[in-house]
C-alpha atoms as a PDB file:
ATOM      1  CA  MET A   1      -8.205  15.365  -0.696  1.00  0.00           C
ATOM      2  CA  LYS A   2      -7.200  14.586   2.856  1.00  0.00           C
ATOM      3  CA  LEU A   3      -9.385  13.034   5.498  1.00  0.00           C
ATOM      4  CA  ASP A   4     -10.243  15.889   7.813  1.00  0.00           C
ATOM      5  CA  LYS A   5      -9.871  16.021  11.585  1.00  0.00           C
ATOM      6  CA  LEU A   6     -13.473  14.908  12.157  1.00  0.00           C
ATOM      7  CA  ALA A   7     -12.948  11.649  10.274  1.00  0.00           C
ATOM      8  CA  LYS A   8      -9.600  11.064  12.024  1.00  0.00           C
ATOM      9  CA  ASN A   9     -11.100  11.783  15.447  1.00  0.00           C
ATOM     10  CA  ILE A  10     -13.988   9.411  14.793  1.00  0.00           C
ATOM     11  CA  MET A  11     -11.603   6.672  13.708  1.00  0.00           C
ATOM     12  CA  ASP A  12      -9.428   7.195  16.794  1.00  0.00           C
ATOM     13  CA  LYS A  13     -12.464   6.918  19.086  1.00  0.00           C
ATOM     14  CA  GLN A  14     -13.760   3.792  17.371  1.00  0.00           C
ATOM     15  CA  LYS A  15     -10.349   2.127  17.263  1.00  0.00           C
ATOM     16  CA  LYS A  16     -11.637  -0.127  14.514  1.00  0.00           C
ATOM     17  CA  ASN A  17      -9.593  -1.445  11.679  1.00  0.00           C
ATOM     18  CA  ILE A  18     -10.814  -1.067   8.107  1.00  0.00           C
ATOM     19  CA  ALA A  19     -11.173  -3.872   5.560  1.00  0.00           C
ATOM     20  CA  LEU A  20     -11.687  -3.147   1.873  1.00  0.00           C
ATOM     21  CA  MET A  21     -13.419  -5.802  -0.204  1.00  0.00           C
ATOM     22  CA  GLY A  22     -14.555  -6.147  -3.772  1.00  0.00           C
ATOM     23  CA  HIS A  23     -13.634  -7.753  -7.051  1.00  0.00           C
ATOM     24  CA  MET A  24     -10.147  -7.747  -8.494  1.00  0.00           C
ATOM     25  CA  GLY A  25      -9.497  -4.363 -10.037  1.00  0.00           C
ATOM     26  CA  SER A  26     -11.927  -2.526  -7.771  1.00  0.00           C
ATOM     27  CA  GLY A  27      -9.176  -0.393  -6.230  1.00  0.00           C
ATOM     28  CA  LYS A  28      -8.795  -2.029  -2.827  1.00  0.00           C
ATOM     29  CA  SER A  29      -5.005  -1.799  -2.739  1.00  0.00           C
ATOM     30  CA  VAL A  30      -4.735   1.741  -4.082  1.00  0.00           C
ATOM     31  CA  LEU A  31      -7.472   3.157  -1.853  1.00  0.00           C
ATOM     32  CA  GLY A  32      -6.263   1.108   1.114  1.00  0.00           C
ATOM     33  CA  LYS A  33      -2.798   2.647   0.869  1.00  0.00           C
ATOM     34  CA  LEU A  34      -4.273   6.145   0.724  1.00  0.00           C
ATOM     35  CA  ILE A  35      -6.650   5.639   3.643  1.00  0.00           C
ATOM     36  CA  SER A  36      -3.890   4.113   5.765  1.00  0.00           C
ATOM     37  CA  LYS A  37      -1.562   7.006   4.995  1.00  0.00           C
ATOM     38  CA  GLN A  38      -4.253   9.571   5.831  1.00  0.00           C
ATOM     39  CA  LEU A  39      -5.106   7.885   9.144  1.00  0.00           C
ATOM     40  CA  ASN A  40      -1.536   6.896  10.001  1.00  0.00           C
ATOM     41  CA  PHE A  41      -2.593   3.224  10.011  1.00  0.00           C
ATOM     42  CA  ASN A  42      -0.652   0.260   8.668  1.00  0.00           C
ATOM     43  CA  HIS A  43      -1.747  -1.094   5.300  1.00  0.00           C
ATOM     44  CA  VAL A  44      -1.773  -4.810   4.513  1.00  0.00           C
ATOM     45  CA  ASP A  45      -2.666  -6.241   1.129  1.00  0.00           C
ATOM     46  CA  SER A  46      -3.610  -9.878   1.762  1.00  0.00           C
ATOM     47  CA  ASP A  47      -2.369 -11.024  -1.669  1.00  0.00           C
ATOM     48  CA  LYS A  48       1.018  -9.356  -1.144  1.00  0.00           C
ATOM     49  CA  LEU A  49       1.264 -10.922   2.316  1.00  0.00           C
ATOM     50  CA  ILE A  50       0.511 -14.380   0.870  1.00  0.00           C
ATOM     51  CA  GLU A  51       3.200 -13.903  -1.774  1.00  0.00           C
ATOM     52  CA  LYS A  52       5.715 -12.763   0.831  1.00  0.00           C
ATOM     53  CA  LYS A  53       5.015 -15.655   3.204  1.00  0.00           C
ATOM     54  CA  SER A  54       5.023 -18.312   0.480  1.00  0.00           C
ATOM     55  CA  ASN A  55       7.828 -16.860  -1.672  1.00  0.00           C
ATOM     56  CA  LYS A  56       5.569 -17.485  -4.676  1.00  0.00           C
ATOM     57  CA  THR A  57       3.314 -15.308  -6.782  1.00  0.00           C
ATOM     58  CA  ILE A  58      -0.436 -15.859  -6.673  1.00  0.00           C
ATOM     59  CA  ASN A  59      -0.182 -17.306 -10.205  1.00  0.00           C
ATOM     60  CA  GLU A  60       2.510 -19.776  -9.072  1.00  0.00           C
ATOM     61  CA  ILE A  61       0.422 -20.867  -6.095  1.00  0.00           C
ATOM     62  CA  PHE A  62      -2.619 -21.463  -8.324  1.00  0.00           C
ATOM     63  CA  GLN A  63      -0.506 -23.364 -10.887  1.00  0.00           C
ATOM     64  CA  THR A  64       1.395 -25.577  -8.445  1.00  0.00           C
ATOM     65  CA  LYS A  65      -1.042 -26.050  -5.558  1.00  0.00           C
ATOM     66  CA  GLY A  66      -4.467 -25.048  -6.923  1.00  0.00           C
ATOM     67  CA  GLU A  67      -7.181 -22.654  -5.830  1.00  0.00           C
ATOM     68  CA  SER A  68      -8.271 -24.658  -2.761  1.00  0.00           C
ATOM     69  CA  TYR A  69      -4.756 -24.505  -1.320  1.00  0.00           C
ATOM     70  CA  PHE A  70      -4.597 -20.778  -2.102  1.00  0.00           C
ATOM     71  CA  ARG A  71      -7.932 -20.125  -0.319  1.00  0.00           C
ATOM     72  CA  LEU A  72      -6.771 -21.992   2.790  1.00  0.00           C
ATOM     73  CA  THR A  73      -3.503 -20.044   2.792  1.00  0.00           C
ATOM     74  CA  GLU A  74      -5.444 -16.812   2.265  1.00  0.00           C
ATOM     75  CA  GLU A  75      -7.727 -17.608   5.195  1.00  0.00           C
ATOM     76  CA  ASN A  76      -4.797 -18.355   7.521  1.00  0.00           C
ATOM     77  CA  VAL A  77      -2.892 -15.214   6.513  1.00  0.00           C
ATOM     78  CA  ILE A  78      -5.922 -12.950   6.958  1.00  0.00           C
ATOM     79  CA  LEU A  79      -6.876 -14.471  10.307  1.00  0.00           C
ATOM     80  CA  GLU A  80      -3.318 -13.807  11.540  1.00  0.00           C
ATOM     81  CA  THR A  81      -3.733 -10.077  10.822  1.00  0.00           C
ATOM     82  CA  ILE A  82      -7.146  -9.362  12.298  1.00  0.00           C
ATOM     83  CA  TYR A  83      -6.080  -8.488  15.815  1.00  0.00           C
ATOM     84  CA  GLN A  84      -3.546  -5.901  14.759  1.00  0.00           C
ATOM     85  CA  LYS A  85      -4.359  -2.331  15.710  1.00  0.00           C
ATOM     86  CA  LYS A  86      -4.629   0.621  13.352  1.00  0.00           C
ATOM     87  CA  LEU A  87      -4.849  -1.513  10.229  1.00  0.00           C
ATOM     88  CA  VAL A  88      -6.301  -1.035   6.761  1.00  0.00           C
ATOM     89  CA  LEU A  89      -6.629  -4.451   5.136  1.00  0.00           C
ATOM     90  CA  SER A  90      -7.085  -4.837   1.381  1.00  0.00           C
ATOM     91  CA  LEU A  91      -8.676  -8.253   0.956  1.00  0.00           C
ATOM     92  CA  GLY A  92      -8.367 -10.568  -2.008  1.00  0.00           C
ATOM     93  CA  GLY A  93     -11.609 -10.635  -3.985  1.00  0.00           C
ATOM     94  CA  GLY A  94     -12.573 -14.181  -3.015  1.00  0.00           C
ATOM     95  CA  SER A  95     -11.516 -14.060   0.631  1.00  0.00           C
ATOM     96  CA  ILE A  96     -15.023 -13.070   1.661  1.00  0.00           C
ATOM     97  CA  LEU A  97     -16.222 -16.576   0.746  1.00  0.00           C
ATOM     98  CA  SER A  98     -14.643 -17.905   3.945  1.00  0.00           C
ATOM     99  CA  PRO A  99     -17.120 -17.991   6.869  1.00  0.00           C
ATOM    100  CA  LYS A 100     -14.166 -17.672   9.279  1.00  0.00           C
ATOM    101  CA  ILE A 101     -12.978 -14.503   7.577  1.00  0.00           C
ATOM    102  CA  ARG A 102     -16.494 -13.020   7.494  1.00  0.00           C
ATOM    103  CA  LYS A 103     -16.910 -13.706  11.222  1.00  0.00           C
ATOM    104  CA  ALA A 104     -13.517 -12.178  12.061  1.00  0.00           C
ATOM    105  CA  LEU A 105     -14.243  -9.090   9.973  1.00  0.00           C
ATOM    106  CA  LYS A 106     -17.608  -8.542  11.624  1.00  0.00           C
ATOM    107  CA  GLY A 107     -16.114  -8.175  15.069  1.00  0.00           C
ATOM    108  CA  ASN A 108     -12.916  -6.365  14.282  1.00  0.00           C
ATOM    109  CA  PHE A 109     -13.301  -4.219  11.173  1.00  0.00           C
ATOM    110  CA  LEU A 110     -15.303  -1.514   9.552  1.00  0.00           C
ATOM    111  CA  THR A 111     -15.930  -3.182   6.190  1.00  0.00           C
ATOM    112  CA  VAL A 112     -16.033  -1.276   2.916  1.00  0.00           C
ATOM    113  CA  PHE A 113     -17.256  -2.770  -0.371  1.00  0.00           C
ATOM    114  CA  LEU A 114     -15.786  -1.119  -3.465  1.00  0.00           C
ATOM    115  CA  ASP A 115     -18.523  -1.671  -6.044  1.00  0.00           C
ATOM    116  CA  VAL A 116     -17.437  -1.162  -9.640  1.00  0.00           C
ATOM    117  CA  ASP A 117     -19.356  -1.759 -12.882  1.00  0.00           C
ATOM    118  CA  PHE A 118     -18.291  -4.883 -14.779  1.00  0.00           C
ATOM    119  CA  ALA A 119     -17.309  -2.915 -17.897  1.00  0.00           C
ATOM    120  CA  ILE A 120     -14.990  -0.667 -15.848  1.00  0.00           C
ATOM    121  CA  LEU A 121     -13.448  -3.679 -14.114  1.00  0.00           C
ATOM    122  CA  SER A 122     -12.852  -5.314 -17.485  1.00  0.00           C
ATOM    123  CA  LYS A 123     -11.021  -2.225 -18.755  1.00  0.00           C
ATOM    124  CA  ARG A 124      -8.910  -2.063 -15.606  1.00  0.00           C
ATOM    125  CA  LEU A 125      -8.000  -5.761 -15.846  1.00  0.00           C
ATOM    126  CA  ILE A 126      -7.487  -6.169 -19.590  1.00  0.00           C
ATOM    127  CA  LYS A 127      -3.671  -6.115 -19.375  1.00  0.00           C
ATOM    128  CA  SER A 128      -3.340  -7.949 -16.056  1.00  0.00           C
ATOM    129  CA  LYS A 129      -1.261 -11.105 -16.096  1.00  0.00           C
ATOM    130  CA  ARG A 130      -1.147 -11.524 -12.311  1.00  0.00           C
ATOM    131  CA  ARG A 131      -4.714 -12.731 -11.765  1.00  0.00           C
ATOM    132  CA  PRO A 132      -5.114 -16.449 -12.349  1.00  0.00           C
ATOM    133  CA  LEU A 133      -8.918 -16.447 -12.358  1.00  0.00           C
ATOM    134  CA  ILE A 134      -9.038 -14.282 -15.500  1.00  0.00           C
ATOM    135  CA  ASN A 135      -6.126 -15.705 -17.468  1.00  0.00           C
ATOM    136  CA  ASP A 136      -7.226 -16.863 -20.924  1.00  0.00           C
ATOM    137  CA  THR A 137     -10.908 -16.052 -20.395  1.00  0.00           C
ATOM    138  CA  ASN A 138     -13.513 -13.402 -21.161  1.00  0.00           C
ATOM    139  CA  ILE A 139     -12.847 -11.028 -18.277  1.00  0.00           C
ATOM    140  CA  GLU A 140     -16.293  -9.445 -18.062  1.00  0.00           C
ATOM    141  CA  GLU A 141     -18.045 -12.825 -18.169  1.00  0.00           C
ATOM    142  CA  LYS A 142     -15.736 -14.212 -15.472  1.00  0.00           C
ATOM    143  CA  ILE A 143     -16.363 -11.206 -13.234  1.00  0.00           C
ATOM    144  CA  LYS A 144     -20.119 -11.640 -13.669  1.00  0.00           C
ATOM    145  CA  GLU A 145     -19.752 -15.310 -12.739  1.00  0.00           C
ATOM    146  CA  LEU A 146     -17.733 -14.428  -9.623  1.00  0.00           C
ATOM    147  CA  ASP A 147     -20.158 -11.641  -8.735  1.00  0.00           C
ATOM    148  CA  ALA A 148     -23.087 -14.091  -8.740  1.00  0.00           C
ATOM    149  CA  ILE A 149     -21.321 -15.975  -5.933  1.00  0.00           C
ATOM    150  CA  ARG A 150     -19.699 -13.122  -3.993  1.00  0.00           C
ATOM    151  CA  ARG A 151     -22.063 -10.139  -4.153  1.00  0.00           C
ATOM    152  CA  LYS A 152     -24.330 -11.331  -1.313  1.00  0.00           C
ATOM    153  CA  PHE A 153     -21.285 -11.259   0.982  1.00  0.00           C
ATOM    154  CA  TYR A 154     -19.939  -7.968  -0.347  1.00  0.00           C
ATOM    155  CA  LEU A 155     -23.315  -6.359   0.341  1.00  0.00           C
ATOM    156  CA  LEU A 156     -22.969  -7.190   4.051  1.00  0.00           C
ATOM    157  CA  ALA A 157     -20.270  -4.492   4.285  1.00  0.00           C
ATOM    158  CA  ASP A 158     -20.824  -1.551   6.597  1.00  0.00           C
ATOM    159  CA  ILE A 159     -20.179   0.902   3.755  1.00  0.00           C
ATOM    160  CA  THR A 160     -20.541   0.542  -0.012  1.00  0.00           C
ATOM    161  CA  LEU A 161     -18.603   2.863  -2.317  1.00  0.00           C
ATOM    162  CA  LYS A 162     -19.248   3.084  -6.038  1.00  0.00           C
ATOM    163  CA  ASN A 163     -15.603   3.197  -7.017  1.00  0.00           C
ATOM    164  CA  HIS A 164     -15.723   4.420 -10.598  1.00  0.00           C
ATOM    165  CA  LEU A 165     -14.349   7.804  -9.615  1.00  0.00           C
ATOM    166  CA  THR A 166     -10.855   9.225  -9.455  1.00  0.00           C
ATOM    167  CA  ILE A 167      -8.870   8.108  -6.449  1.00  0.00           C
ATOM    168  CA  THR A 168      -9.237  11.584  -4.920  1.00  0.00           C
ATOM    169  CA  ASP A 169     -13.013  11.382  -5.314  1.00  0.00           C
ATOM    170  CA  ALA A 170     -13.048   7.840  -3.906  1.00  0.00           C
ATOM    171  CA  LEU A 171     -11.161   9.021  -0.812  1.00  0.00           C
ATOM    172  CA  ALA A 172     -13.602  11.906  -0.351  1.00  0.00           C
ATOM    173  CA  GLU A 173     -16.537   9.514  -0.783  1.00  0.00           C
ATOM    174  CA  PHE A 174     -15.032   7.170   1.826  1.00  0.00           C
ATOM    175  CA  ARG A 175     -14.722  10.056   4.276  1.00  0.00           C
ATOM    176  CA  LYS A 176     -18.330  11.114   3.695  1.00  0.00           C
ATOM    177  CA  LYS A 177     -19.718   7.576   3.998  1.00  0.00           C
ATOM    178  CA  TYR A 178     -17.589   6.888   7.040  1.00  0.00           C
ATOM    179  CA  ILE A 179     -18.915   9.944   8.878  1.00  0.00           C
ATOM    180  CA  GLU A 180     -22.499   9.016   7.874  1.00  0.00           C
ATOM    181  CA  PHE A 181     -21.953   5.476   9.152  1.00  0.00           C
ATOM    182  CA  TYR A 182     -20.556   6.727  12.436  1.00  0.00           C
ATOM    183  CA  GLU A 183     -23.456   9.154  12.961  1.00  0.00           C
ATOM    184  CA  LYS A 184     -26.012   6.432  12.177  1.00  0.00           C
ATOM    185  CA  TYR A 185     -24.186   3.905  14.363  1.00  0.00           C
ATOM    186  CA  ASN A 186     -24.115   6.255  17.357  1.00  0.00           C
ATOM    187  CA  SER A 187     -27.742   7.319  16.983  1.00  0.00           C
ATOM    188  CA  ASN A 188     -28.980   3.723  17.481  1.00  0.00           C
END
């Protein structure tokens, strides 16, 4: 399903970028690509940008430099992108822990939290070898542990989508929630 003219016109008037946040496996990259294509925006996946700039995979960065180094790199890379125009940004799951990133998002982005049940996330991630936080661990338990730390920040998003649907349904739900947000925002 395509975003209709109303949603596109609203986005053009607002001139706000969009940031997708949520746990690994929540669909940020897939939905981000679709939204950017529909709106004719650029799409940036922060993890892919980190890998490109460092010439290392996320796993390699975690193994050789550690998580603290990765988070600092992630923060710098994301902060470099925030002033771009017409951007859909798919954030790494833990990026929201950075106060600097949260502050930058608040002023420059419409934020969207992709909320997915733990069991669904576990199924989506079961074969993943690219995510260092879940290597050699109980995936569902690890996600619950991460959620206990991150959820309070995810819930600050402008829009929350329950992303357990097909990608077509998720795009339609984004459109609906976006229009509702815009109408509420302009009525205040």
